[in-house]
């Protein structure tokens, strides 16, 4: 049989584990935001403003939405928007590169 002290320790450990697990779900999406910003910059450098303006504009809008959700601590939505912004920026980059290759 467990002693009172052991039971208290196990309850505390379980509580701490649950707290850490729930904290992982709501952590700020710092890496996702950085990835989205870098993808947008790469798309711009590749000429996406001329060759893939719609995708670039969508990526920038999603990044702005992610930043707004960060300020309200809605991290799950911010993460989703940042990941989608990165995807749209990569699409813009690919379209821009393909368009430039077709021009040459």
PDB file of N, CA and C in Angstrom:
ATOM      1  N   UNK A   1       0.840  -1.181   0.000  1.00  0.00           N
ATOM      2  CA  UNK A   1       0.000   0.000   0.000  1.00  0.00           C
ATOM      3  C   UNK A   1       0.884   1.243   0.000  1.00  0.00           C
ATOM      4  N   UNK A   2       0.464   2.261  -0.680  1.00  0.00           N
ATOM      5  CA  UNK A   2       1.234   3.495  -0.774  1.00  0.00           C
ATOM      6  C   UNK A   2       1.037   4.348   0.465  1.00  0.00           C
ATOM      7  N   UNK A   3       2.100   5.016   0.847  1.00  0.00           N
ATOM      8  CA  UNK A   3       1.993   5.920   1.992  1.00  0.00           C
ATOM      9  C   UNK A   3       1.366   7.228   1.523  1.00  0.00           C
ATOM     10  N   UNK A   4       0.920   8.007   2.450  1.00  0.00           N
ATOM     11  CA  UNK A   4       0.310   9.295   2.136  1.00  0.00           C
ATOM     12  C   UNK A   4       1.268  10.215   1.409  1.00  0.00           C
ATOM     13  N   UNK A   5       2.527  10.158   1.797  1.00  0.00           N
ATOM     14  CA  UNK A   5       3.542  11.008   1.183  1.00  0.00           C
ATOM     15  C   UNK A   5       3.776  10.596  -0.274  1.00  0.00           C
ATOM     16  N   UNK A   6       3.817   9.300  -0.558  1.00  0.00           N
ATOM     17  CA  UNK A   6       4.018   8.793  -1.913  1.00  0.00           C
ATOM     18  C   UNK A   6       2.821   9.146  -2.790  1.00  0.00           C
ATOM     19  N   UNK A   7       1.632   8.992  -2.245  1.00  0.00           N
ATOM     20  CA  UNK A   7       0.426   9.333  -2.996  1.00  0.00           C
ATOM     21  C   UNK A   7       0.408  10.813  -3.345  1.00  0.00           C
ATOM     22  N   UNK A   8       0.769  11.651  -2.407  1.00  0.00           N
ATOM     23  CA  UNK A   8       0.820  13.083  -2.647  1.00  0.00           C
ATOM     24  C   UNK A   8       1.854  13.411  -3.725  1.00  0.00           C
ATOM     25  N   UNK A   9       3.006  12.743  -3.674  1.00  0.00           N
ATOM     26  CA  UNK A   9       4.045  12.956  -4.678  1.00  0.00           C
ATOM     27  C   UNK A   9       3.540  12.547  -6.058  1.00  0.00           C
ATOM     28  N   UNK A  10       2.900  11.390  -6.146  1.00  0.00           N
ATOM     29  CA  UNK A  10       2.398  10.916  -7.437  1.00  0.00           C
ATOM     30  C   UNK A  10       1.326  11.849  -8.003  1.00  0.00           C
ATOM     31  N   UNK A  11       0.460  12.350  -7.153  1.00  0.00           N
ATOM     32  CA  UNK A  11      -0.550  13.312  -7.609  1.00  0.00           C
ATOM     33  C   UNK A  11       0.110  14.583  -8.134  1.00  0.00           C
ATOM     34  N   UNK A  12       1.121  15.055  -7.417  1.00  0.00           N
ATOM     35  CA  UNK A  12       1.845  16.250  -7.850  1.00  0.00           C
ATOM     36  C   UNK A  12       2.549  16.027  -9.175  1.00  0.00           C
ATOM     37  N   UNK A  13       3.159  14.863  -9.327  1.00  0.00           N
ATOM     38  CA  UNK A  13       3.856  14.546 -10.572  1.00  0.00           C
ATOM     39  C   UNK A  13       2.866  14.459 -11.738  1.00  0.00           C
ATOM     40  N   UNK A  14       1.715  13.853 -11.497  1.00  0.00           N
ATOM     41  CA  UNK A  14       0.690  13.756 -12.538  1.00  0.00           C
ATOM     42  C   UNK A  14       0.182  15.140 -12.917  1.00  0.00           C
ATOM     43  N   UNK A  15      -0.058  15.974 -11.937  1.00  0.00           N
ATOM     44  CA  UNK A  15      -0.514  17.340 -12.197  1.00  0.00           C
ATOM     45  C   UNK A  15       0.528  18.110 -13.015  1.00  0.00           C
ATOM     46  N   UNK A  16       1.797  17.970 -12.648  1.00  0.00           N
ATOM     47  CA  UNK A  16       2.872  18.656 -13.374  1.00  0.00           C
ATOM     48  C   UNK A  16       2.958  18.164 -14.814  1.00  0.00           C
ATOM     49  N   UNK A  17       2.812  16.862 -15.010  1.00  0.00           N
ATOM     50  CA  UNK A  17       2.853  16.304 -16.362  1.00  0.00           C
ATOM     51  C   UNK A  17       1.694  16.830 -17.207  1.00  0.00           C
ATOM     52  N   UNK A  18       0.519  16.891 -16.625  1.00  0.00           N
ATOM     53  CA  UNK A  18      -0.638  17.424 -17.348  1.00  0.00           C
ATOM     54  C   UNK A  18      -0.452  18.894 -17.686  1.00  0.00           C
ATOM     55  N   UNK A  19       0.123  19.637 -16.770  1.00  0.00           N
ATOM     56  CA  UNK A  19       0.377  21.059 -16.998  1.00  0.00           C
ATOM     57  C   UNK A  19       1.367  21.258 -18.141  1.00  0.00           C
ATOM     58  N   UNK A  20       2.422  20.459 -18.158  1.00  0.00           N
ATOM     59  CA  UNK A  20       3.416  20.550 -19.233  1.00  0.00           C
ATOM     60  C   UNK A  20       2.781  20.156 -20.563  1.00  0.00           C
ATOM     61  N   UNK A  21       2.000  19.092 -20.571  1.00  0.00           N
ATOM     62  CA  UNK A  21       1.364  18.644 -21.813  1.00  0.00           C
ATOM     63  C   UNK A  21       0.399  19.694 -22.347  1.00  0.00           C
ATOM     64  N   UNK A  22      -0.357  20.320 -21.481  1.00  0.00           N
ATOM     65  CA  UNK A  22      -1.288  21.344 -21.952  1.00  0.00           C
ATOM     66  C   UNK A  22      -0.540  22.589 -22.397  1.00  0.00           C
ATOM     67  N   UNK A  23       0.595  22.873 -21.785  1.00  0.00           N
ATOM     68  CA  UNK A  23       1.409  24.018 -22.184  1.00  0.00           C
ATOM     69  C   UNK A  23       1.988  23.840 -23.572  1.00  0.00           C
ATOM     70  N   UNK A  24       2.289  22.634 -23.958  1.00  0.00           N
ATOM     71  CA  UNK A  24       2.826  22.376 -25.293  1.00  0.00           C
ATOM     72  C   UNK A  24       1.800  22.699 -26.366  1.00  0.00           C
ATOM     73  N   UNK A  25       0.552  22.521 -26.070  1.00  0.00           N
ATOM     74  CA  UNK A  25      -0.506  22.789 -27.033  1.00  0.00           C
ATOM     75  C   UNK A  25      -0.731  24.281 -27.249  1.00  0.00           C
ATOM     76  N   UNK A  26      -0.374  25.088 -26.274  1.00  0.00           N
ATOM     77  CA  UNK A  26      -0.680  26.511 -26.362  1.00  0.00           C
ATOM     78  C   UNK A  26       0.564  27.384 -26.443  1.00  0.00           C
ATOM     79  N   UNK A  27       1.699  26.792 -26.741  1.00  0.00           N
ATOM     80  CA  UNK A  27       2.937  27.565 -26.832  1.00  0.00           C
ATOM     81  C   UNK A  27       2.884  28.484 -28.054  1.00  0.00           C
ATOM     82  N   UNK A  28       3.551  29.604 -27.926  1.00  0.00           N
ATOM     83  CA  UNK A  28       3.598  30.550 -29.032  1.00  0.00           C
ATOM     84  C   UNK A  28       4.245  29.894 -30.252  1.00  0.00           C
ATOM     85  N   UNK A  29       3.691  30.108 -31.417  1.00  0.00           N
ATOM     86  CA  UNK A  29       4.229  29.495 -32.633  1.00  0.00           C
ATOM     87  C   UNK A  29       5.387  30.309 -33.226  1.00  0.00           C
ATOM     88  N   UNK A  30       6.436  30.456 -32.453  1.00  0.00           N
ATOM     89  CA  UNK A  30       7.565  31.294 -32.857  1.00  0.00           C
ATOM     90  C   UNK A  30       8.204  30.768 -34.145  1.00  0.00           C
ATOM     91  N   UNK A  31       8.475  29.478 -34.206  1.00  0.00           N
ATOM     92  CA  UNK A  31       9.137  28.909 -35.386  1.00  0.00           C
ATOM     93  C   UNK A  31       8.249  29.034 -36.621  1.00  0.00           C
ATOM     94  N   UNK A  32       6.960  28.777 -36.468  1.00  0.00           N
ATOM     95  CA  UNK A  32       6.046  28.861 -37.603  1.00  0.00           C
ATOM     96  C   UNK A  32       5.969  30.291 -38.148  1.00  0.00           C
ATOM     97  N   UNK A  33       5.962  31.268 -37.237  1.00  0.00           N
ATOM     98  CA  UNK A  33       5.924  32.671 -37.660  1.00  0.00           C
ATOM     99  C   UNK A  33       7.205  33.025 -38.420  1.00  0.00           C
ATOM    100  N   UNK A  34       8.336  32.590 -37.898  1.00  0.00           N
ATOM    101  CA  UNK A  34       9.607  32.858 -38.559  1.00  0.00           C
ATOM    102  C   UNK A  34       9.664  32.204 -39.932  1.00  0.00           C
ATOM    103  N   UNK A  35       9.210  30.966 -40.013  1.00  0.00           N
ATOM    104  CA  UNK A  35       9.203  30.258 -41.298  1.00  0.00           C
ATOM    105  C   UNK A  35       8.345  30.990 -42.323  1.00  0.00           C
ATOM    106  N   UNK A  36       7.181  31.466 -41.894  1.00  0.00           N
ATOM    107  CA  UNK A  36       6.282  32.181 -42.805  1.00  0.00           C
ATOM    108  C   UNK A  36       6.929  33.475 -43.286  1.00  0.00           C
ATOM    109  N   UNK A  37       7.537  34.222 -42.386  1.00  0.00           N
ATOM    110  CA  UNK A  37       8.201  35.485 -42.777  1.00  0.00           C
ATOM    111  C   UNK A  37       9.322  35.227 -43.776  1.00  0.00           C
ATOM    112  N   UNK A  38      10.109  34.200 -43.524  1.00  0.00           N
ATOM    113  CA  UNK A  38      11.219  33.890 -44.425  1.00  0.00           C
ATOM    114  C   UNK A  38      10.719  33.446 -45.792  1.00  0.00           C
ATOM    115  N   UNK A  39       9.654  32.658 -45.825  1.00  0.00           N
ATOM    116  CA  UNK A  39       9.103  32.210 -47.101  1.00  0.00           C
ATOM    117  C   UNK A  39       8.554  33.391 -47.896  1.00  0.00           C
ATOM    118  N   UNK A  40       7.915  34.323 -47.214  1.00  0.00           N
ATOM    119  CA  UNK A  40       7.386  35.513 -47.889  1.00  0.00           C
ATOM    120  C   UNK A  40       8.532  36.359 -48.448  1.00  0.00           C
ATOM    121  N   UNK A  41       9.590  36.522 -47.665  1.00  0.00           N
ATOM    122  CA  UNK A  41      10.741  37.287 -48.150  1.00  0.00           C
ATOM    123  C   UNK A  41      11.375  36.620 -49.367  1.00  0.00           C
ATOM    124  N   UNK A  42      11.487  35.297 -49.345  1.00  0.00           N
ATOM    125  CA  UNK A  42      12.062  34.564 -50.478  1.00  0.00           C
ATOM    126  C   UNK A  42      11.195  34.719 -51.718  1.00  0.00           C
ATOM    127  N   UNK A  43       9.886  34.671 -51.531  1.00  0.00           N
ATOM    128  CA  UNK A  43       8.971  34.837 -52.664  1.00  0.00           C
ATOM    129  C   UNK A  43       9.098  36.240 -53.258  1.00  0.00           C
ATOM    130  N   UNK A  44       9.196  37.237 -52.399  1.00  0.00           N
ATOM    131  CA  UNK A  44       9.366  38.610 -52.887  1.00  0.00           C
ATOM    132  C   UNK A  44      10.666  38.765 -53.655  1.00  0.00           C
ATOM    133  N   UNK A  45      11.738  38.195 -53.117  1.00  0.00           N
ATOM    134  CA  UNK A  45      13.035  38.279 -53.786  1.00  0.00           C
ATOM    135  C   UNK A  45      13.024  37.585 -55.137  1.00  0.00           C
ATOM    136  N   UNK A  46      12.160  36.584 -55.296  1.00  0.00           N
ATOM    137  CA  UNK A  46      12.057  35.859 -56.564  1.00  0.00           C
ATOM    138  C   UNK A  46      11.112  36.554 -57.545  1.00  0.00           C
ATOM    139  N   UNK A  47      10.548  37.689 -57.145  1.00  0.00           N
ATOM    140  CA  UNK A  47       9.684  38.434 -58.048  1.00  0.00           C
ATOM    141  C   UNK A  47       8.219  38.044 -57.996  1.00  0.00           C
ATOM    142  N   UNK A  48       7.789  37.519 -56.877  1.00  0.00           N
ATOM    143  CA  UNK A  48       6.395  37.072 -56.764  1.00  0.00           C
ATOM    144  C   UNK A  48       5.401  38.225 -56.865  1.00  0.00           C
ATOM    145  N   UNK A  49       5.845  39.446 -56.575  1.00  0.00           N
ATOM    146  CA  UNK A  49       4.927  40.589 -56.690  1.00  0.00           C
ATOM    147  C   UNK A  49       4.447  40.766 -58.132  1.00  0.00           C
ATOM    148  N   UNK A  50       5.300  40.399 -59.086  1.00  0.00           N
ATOM    149  CA  UNK A  50       4.914  40.510 -60.488  1.00  0.00           C
ATOM    150  C   UNK A  50       4.316  39.214 -61.037  1.00  0.00           C
ATOM    151  N   UNK A  51       4.829  38.076 -60.594  1.00  0.00           N
ATOM    152  CA  UNK A  51       4.470  36.803 -61.211  1.00  0.00           C
ATOM    153  C   UNK A  51       3.446  35.970 -60.442  1.00  0.00           C
ATOM    154  N   UNK A  52       3.251  36.245 -59.173  1.00  0.00           N
ATOM    155  CA  UNK A  52       2.321  35.459 -58.347  1.00  0.00           C
ATOM    156  C   UNK A  52       1.719  36.348 -57.266  1.00  0.00           C
ATOM    157  N   UNK A  53       1.221  37.486 -57.688  1.00  0.00           N
ATOM    158  CA  UNK A  53       0.749  38.498 -56.743  1.00  0.00           C
ATOM    159  C   UNK A  53      -0.385  37.992 -55.845  1.00  0.00           C
ATOM    160  N   UNK A  54      -1.293  37.197 -56.396  1.00  0.00           N
ATOM    161  CA  UNK A  54      -2.435  36.726 -55.595  1.00  0.00           C
ATOM    162  C   UNK A  54      -1.983  35.820 -54.450  1.00  0.00           C
ATOM    163  N   UNK A  55      -1.094  34.885 -54.755  1.00  0.00           N
ATOM    164  CA  UNK A  55      -0.605  33.987 -53.705  1.00  0.00           C
ATOM    165  C   UNK A  55       0.220  34.748 -52.677  1.00  0.00           C
ATOM    166  N   UNK A  56       1.030  35.681 -53.142  1.00  0.00           N
ATOM    167  CA  UNK A  56       1.837  36.469 -52.217  1.00  0.00           C
ATOM    168  C   UNK A  56       0.953  37.306 -51.304  1.00  0.00           C
ATOM    169  N   UNK A  57      -0.061  37.924 -51.888  1.00  0.00           N
ATOM    170  CA  UNK A  57      -0.984  38.742 -51.088  1.00  0.00           C
ATOM    171  C   UNK A  57      -1.720  37.868 -50.059  1.00  0.00           C
ATOM    172  N   UNK A  58      -2.124  36.673 -50.461  1.00  0.00           N
ATOM    173  CA  UNK A  58      -2.790  35.750 -49.529  1.00  0.00           C
ATOM    174  C   UNK A  58      -1.846  35.370 -48.386  1.00  0.00           C
ATOM    175  N   UNK A  59      -0.584  35.107 -48.716  1.00  0.00           N
ATOM    176  CA  UNK A  59       0.398  34.749 -47.684  1.00  0.00           C
ATOM    177  C   UNK A  59       0.579  35.899 -46.704  1.00  0.00           C
ATOM    178  N   UNK A  60       0.688  37.105 -47.213  1.00  0.00           N
ATOM    179  CA  UNK A  60       0.857  38.265 -46.345  1.00  0.00           C
ATOM    180  C   UNK A  60      -0.370  38.483 -45.462  1.00  0.00           C
ATOM    181  N   UNK A  61      -1.560  38.266 -46.015  1.00  0.00           N
ATOM    182  CA  UNK A  61      -2.786  38.395 -45.224  1.00  0.00           C
ATOM    183  C   UNK A  61      -2.862  37.361 -44.118  1.00  0.00           C
ATOM    184  N   UNK A  62      -2.465  36.141 -44.423  1.00  0.00           N
ATOM    185  CA  UNK A  62      -2.462  35.085 -43.412  1.00  0.00           C
ATOM    186  C   UNK A  62      -1.438  35.364 -42.318  1.00  0.00           C
ATOM    187  N   UNK A  63      -0.285  35.901 -42.700  1.00  0.00           N
ATOM    188  CA  UNK A  63       0.713  36.257 -41.704  1.00  0.00           C
ATOM    189  C   UNK A  63       0.197  37.371 -40.801  1.00  0.00           C
ATOM    190  N   UNK A  64      -0.467  38.337 -41.389  1.00  0.00           N
ATOM    191  CA  UNK A  64      -1.041  39.417 -40.576  1.00  0.00           C
ATOM    192  C   UNK A  64      -2.089  38.856 -39.613  1.00  0.00           C
ATOM    193  N   UNK A  65      -2.910  37.943 -40.095  1.00  0.00           N
ATOM    194  CA  UNK A  65      -3.903  37.311 -39.227  1.00  0.00           C
ATOM    195  C   UNK A  65      -3.220  36.546 -38.091  1.00  0.00           C
ATOM    196  N   UNK A  66      -2.133  35.855 -38.410  1.00  0.00           N
ATOM    197  CA  UNK A  66      -1.391  35.120 -37.380  1.00  0.00           C
ATOM    198  C   UNK A  66      -0.844  36.083 -36.332  1.00  0.00           C
ATOM    199  N   UNK A  67      -0.315  37.217 -36.773  1.00  0.00           N
ATOM    200  CA  UNK A  67       0.214  38.203 -35.827  1.00  0.00           C
ATOM    201  C   UNK A  67      -0.889  38.771 -34.932  1.00  0.00           C
ATOM    202  N   UNK A  68      -2.061  39.008 -35.504  1.00  0.00           N
ATOM    203  CA  UNK A  68      -3.186  39.500 -34.705  1.00  0.00           C
ATOM    204  C   UNK A  68      -3.618  38.459 -33.677  1.00  0.00           C
ATOM    205  N   UNK A  69      -3.609  37.194 -34.073  1.00  0.00           N
ATOM    206  CA  UNK A  69      -3.983  36.133 -33.142  1.00  0.00           C
ATOM    207  C   UNK A  69      -2.939  35.948 -32.051  1.00  0.00           C
ATOM    208  N   UNK A  70      -1.690  36.254 -32.336  1.00  0.00           N
ATOM    209  CA  UNK A  70      -0.670  36.213 -31.298  1.00  0.00           C
ATOM    210  C   UNK A  70      -0.959  37.241 -30.208  1.00  0.00           C
ATOM    211  N   UNK A  71      -1.393  38.427 -30.623  1.00  0.00           N
ATOM    212  CA  UNK A  71      -1.642  39.477 -29.633  1.00  0.00           C
ATOM    213  C   UNK A  71      -2.807  39.127 -28.714  1.00  0.00           C
ATOM    214  N   UNK A  72      -3.739  38.321 -29.200  1.00  0.00           N
ATOM    215  CA  UNK A  72      -4.860  37.904 -28.365  1.00  0.00           C
ATOM    216  C   UNK A  72      -4.621  36.529 -27.731  1.00  0.00           C
ATOM    217  N   UNK A  73      -3.396  36.030 -27.880  1.00  0.00           N
ATOM    218  CA  UNK A  73      -2.984  34.741 -27.322  1.00  0.00           C
ATOM    219  C   UNK A  73      -3.795  33.560 -27.837  1.00  0.00           C
ATOM    220  N   UNK A  74      -4.273  33.689 -29.049  1.00  0.00           N
ATOM    221  CA  UNK A  74      -4.977  32.594 -29.704  1.00  0.00           C
ATOM    222  C   UNK A  74      -3.936  31.833 -30.528  1.00  0.00           C
ATOM    223  N   UNK A  75      -3.077  31.096 -29.832  1.00  0.00           N
ATOM    224  CA  UNK A  75      -1.905  30.508 -30.439  1.00  0.00           C
ATOM    225  C   UNK A  75      -2.221  29.413 -31.455  1.00  0.00           C
ATOM    226  N   UNK A  76      -3.261  28.655 -31.227  1.00  0.00           N
ATOM    227  CA  UNK A  76      -3.598  27.575 -32.166  1.00  0.00           C
ATOM    228  C   UNK A  76      -3.966  28.156 -33.529  1.00  0.00           C
ATOM    229  N   UNK A  77      -4.764  29.204 -33.545  1.00  0.00           N
ATOM    230  CA  UNK A  77      -5.159  29.836 -34.812  1.00  0.00           C
ATOM    231  C   UNK A  77      -3.961  30.546 -35.432  1.00  0.00           C
ATOM    232  N   UNK A  78      -3.147  31.182 -34.602  1.00  0.00           N
ATOM    233  CA  UNK A  78      -1.943  31.845 -35.106  1.00  0.00           C
ATOM    234  C   UNK A  78      -1.021  30.829 -35.781  1.00  0.00           C
ATOM    235  N   UNK A  79      -0.854  29.675 -35.162  1.00  0.00           N
ATOM    236  CA  UNK A  79      -0.010  28.621 -35.743  1.00  0.00           C
ATOM    237  C   UNK A  79      -0.583  28.160 -37.079  1.00  0.00           C
ATOM    238  N   UNK A  80      -1.876  27.916 -37.119  1.00  0.00           N
ATOM    239  CA  UNK A  80      -2.512  27.462 -38.362  1.00  0.00           C
ATOM    240  C   UNK A  80      -2.331  28.487 -39.473  1.00  0.00           C
ATOM    241  N   UNK A  81      -2.558  29.767 -39.161  1.00  0.00           N
ATOM    242  CA  UNK A  81      -2.421  30.814 -40.168  1.00  0.00           C
ATOM    243  C   UNK A  81      -0.972  30.970 -40.624  1.00  0.00           C
ATOM    244  N   UNK A  82      -0.026  30.845 -39.704  1.00  0.00           N
ATOM    245  CA  UNK A  82       1.386  30.969 -40.069  1.00  0.00           C
ATOM    246  C   UNK A  82       1.816  29.829 -40.991  1.00  0.00           C
ATOM    247  N   UNK A  83       1.372  28.622 -40.690  1.00  0.00           N
ATOM    248  CA  UNK A  83       1.706  27.476 -41.541  1.00  0.00           C
ATOM    249  C   UNK A  83       1.089  27.657 -42.929  1.00  0.00           C
ATOM    250  N   UNK A  84      -0.148  28.120 -42.977  1.00  0.00           N
ATOM    251  CA  UNK A  84      -0.801  28.356 -44.267  1.00  0.00           C
ATOM    252  C   UNK A  84      -0.121  29.499 -45.021  1.00  0.00           C
ATOM    253  N   UNK A  85       0.321  30.532 -44.302  1.00  0.00           N
ATOM    254  CA  UNK A  85       1.041  31.641 -44.937  1.00  0.00           C
ATOM    255  C   UNK A  85       2.322  31.133 -45.583  1.00  0.00           C
ATOM    256  N   UNK A  86       3.030  30.271 -44.886  1.00  0.00           N
ATOM    257  CA  UNK A  86       4.258  29.696 -45.442  1.00  0.00           C
ATOM    258  C   UNK A  86       3.950  28.895 -46.709  1.00  0.00           C
ATOM    259  N   UNK A  87       2.902  28.097 -46.657  1.00  0.00           N
ATOM    260  CA  UNK A  87       2.520  27.286 -47.815  1.00  0.00           C
ATOM    261  C   UNK A  87       2.189  28.169 -49.013  1.00  0.00           C
ATOM    262  N   UNK A  88       1.399  29.222 -48.775  1.00  0.00           N
ATOM    263  CA  UNK A  88       1.038  30.125 -49.877  1.00  0.00           C
ATOM    264  C   UNK A  88       2.244  30.872 -50.417  1.00  0.00           C
ATOM    265  N   UNK A  89       3.175  31.239 -49.533  1.00  0.00           N
ATOM    266  CA  UNK A  89       4.389  31.928 -49.978  1.00  0.00           C
ATOM    267  C   UNK A  89       5.257  31.001 -50.823  1.00  0.00           C
ATOM    268  N   UNK A  90       5.340  29.744 -50.439  1.00  0.00           N
ATOM    269  CA  UNK A  90       6.098  28.774 -51.231  1.00  0.00           C
ATOM    270  C   UNK A  90       5.445  28.585 -52.595  1.00  0.00           C
ATOM    271  N   UNK A  91       4.115  28.552 -52.619  1.00  0.00           N
ATOM    272  CA  UNK A  91       3.404  28.471 -53.899  1.00  0.00           C
ATOM    273  C   UNK A  91       3.739  29.675 -54.776  1.00  0.00           C
ATOM    274  N   UNK A  92       3.753  30.857 -54.168  1.00  0.00           N
ATOM    275  CA  UNK A  92       4.089  32.081 -54.913  1.00  0.00           C
ATOM    276  C   UNK A  92       5.521  32.012 -55.434  1.00  0.00           C
ATOM    277  N   UNK A  93       6.415  31.517 -54.623  1.00  0.00           N
ATOM    278  CA  UNK A  93       7.810  31.371 -55.037  1.00  0.00           C
ATOM    279  C   UNK A  93       7.919  30.436 -56.235  1.00  0.00           C
ATOM    280  N   UNK A  94       7.266  29.300 -56.176  1.00  0.00           N
ATOM    281  CA  UNK A  94       7.316  28.326 -57.274  1.00  0.00           C
ATOM    282  C   UNK A  94       6.718  28.902 -58.553  1.00  0.00           C
ATOM    283  N   UNK A  95       5.584  29.578 -58.421  1.00  0.00           N
ATOM    284  CA  UNK A  95       4.966  30.193 -59.600  1.00  0.00           C
ATOM    285  C   UNK A  95       5.869  31.255 -60.211  1.00  0.00           C
ATOM    286  N   UNK A  96       6.482  32.034 -59.374  1.00  0.00           N
ATOM    287  CA  UNK A  96       7.382  33.084 -59.834  1.00  0.00           C
ATOM    288  C   UNK A  96       8.581  32.487 -60.567  1.00  0.00           C
ATOM    289  N   UNK A  97       9.159  31.464 -59.987  1.00  0.00           N
ATOM    290  CA  UNK A  97      10.306  30.812 -60.633  1.00  0.00           C
ATOM    291  C   UNK A  97       9.907  30.186 -61.962  1.00  0.00           C
ATOM    292  N   UNK A  98       8.749  29.540 -61.998  1.00  0.00           N
ATOM    293  CA  UNK A  98       8.279  28.910 -63.243  1.00  0.00           C
ATOM    294  C   UNK A  98       8.013  29.970 -64.306  1.00  0.00           C
ATOM    295  N   UNK A  99       7.447  31.083 -63.912  1.00  0.00           N
ATOM    296  CA  UNK A  99       7.155  32.158 -64.854  1.00  0.00           C
ATOM    297  C   UNK A  99       8.443  32.758 -65.410  1.00  0.00           C
ATOM    298  N   UNK A 100       9.423  32.921 -64.558  1.00  0.00           N
ATOM    299  CA  UNK A 100      10.700  33.468 -65.020  1.00  0.00           C
ATOM    300  C   UNK A 100      11.423  32.499 -65.952  1.00  0.00           C
ATOM    301  N   UNK A 101      11.319  31.197 -65.693  1.00  0.00           N
ATOM    302  CA  UNK A 101      11.919  30.206 -66.573  1.00  0.00           C
ATOM    303  C   UNK A 101      11.226  30.214 -67.924  1.00  0.00           C
ATOM    304  N   UNK A 102       9.910  30.382 -67.927  1.00  0.00           N
ATOM    305  CA  UNK A 102       9.167  30.412 -69.183  1.00  0.00           C
ATOM    306  C   UNK A 102       9.527  31.646 -69.999  1.00  0.00           C
ATOM    307  N   UNK A 103       9.841  32.741 -69.325  1.00  0.00           N
ATOM    308  CA  UNK A 103      10.222  33.974 -70.025  1.00  0.00           C
ATOM    309  C   UNK A 103      11.594  33.858 -70.678  1.00  0.00           C
ATOM    310  N   UNK A 104      12.434  33.000 -70.135  1.00  0.00           N
ATOM    311  CA  UNK A 104      13.811  32.858 -70.678  1.00  0.00           C
ATOM    312  C   UNK A 104      13.856  31.829 -71.714  1.00  0.00           C
TER     313      UNK A 104
END
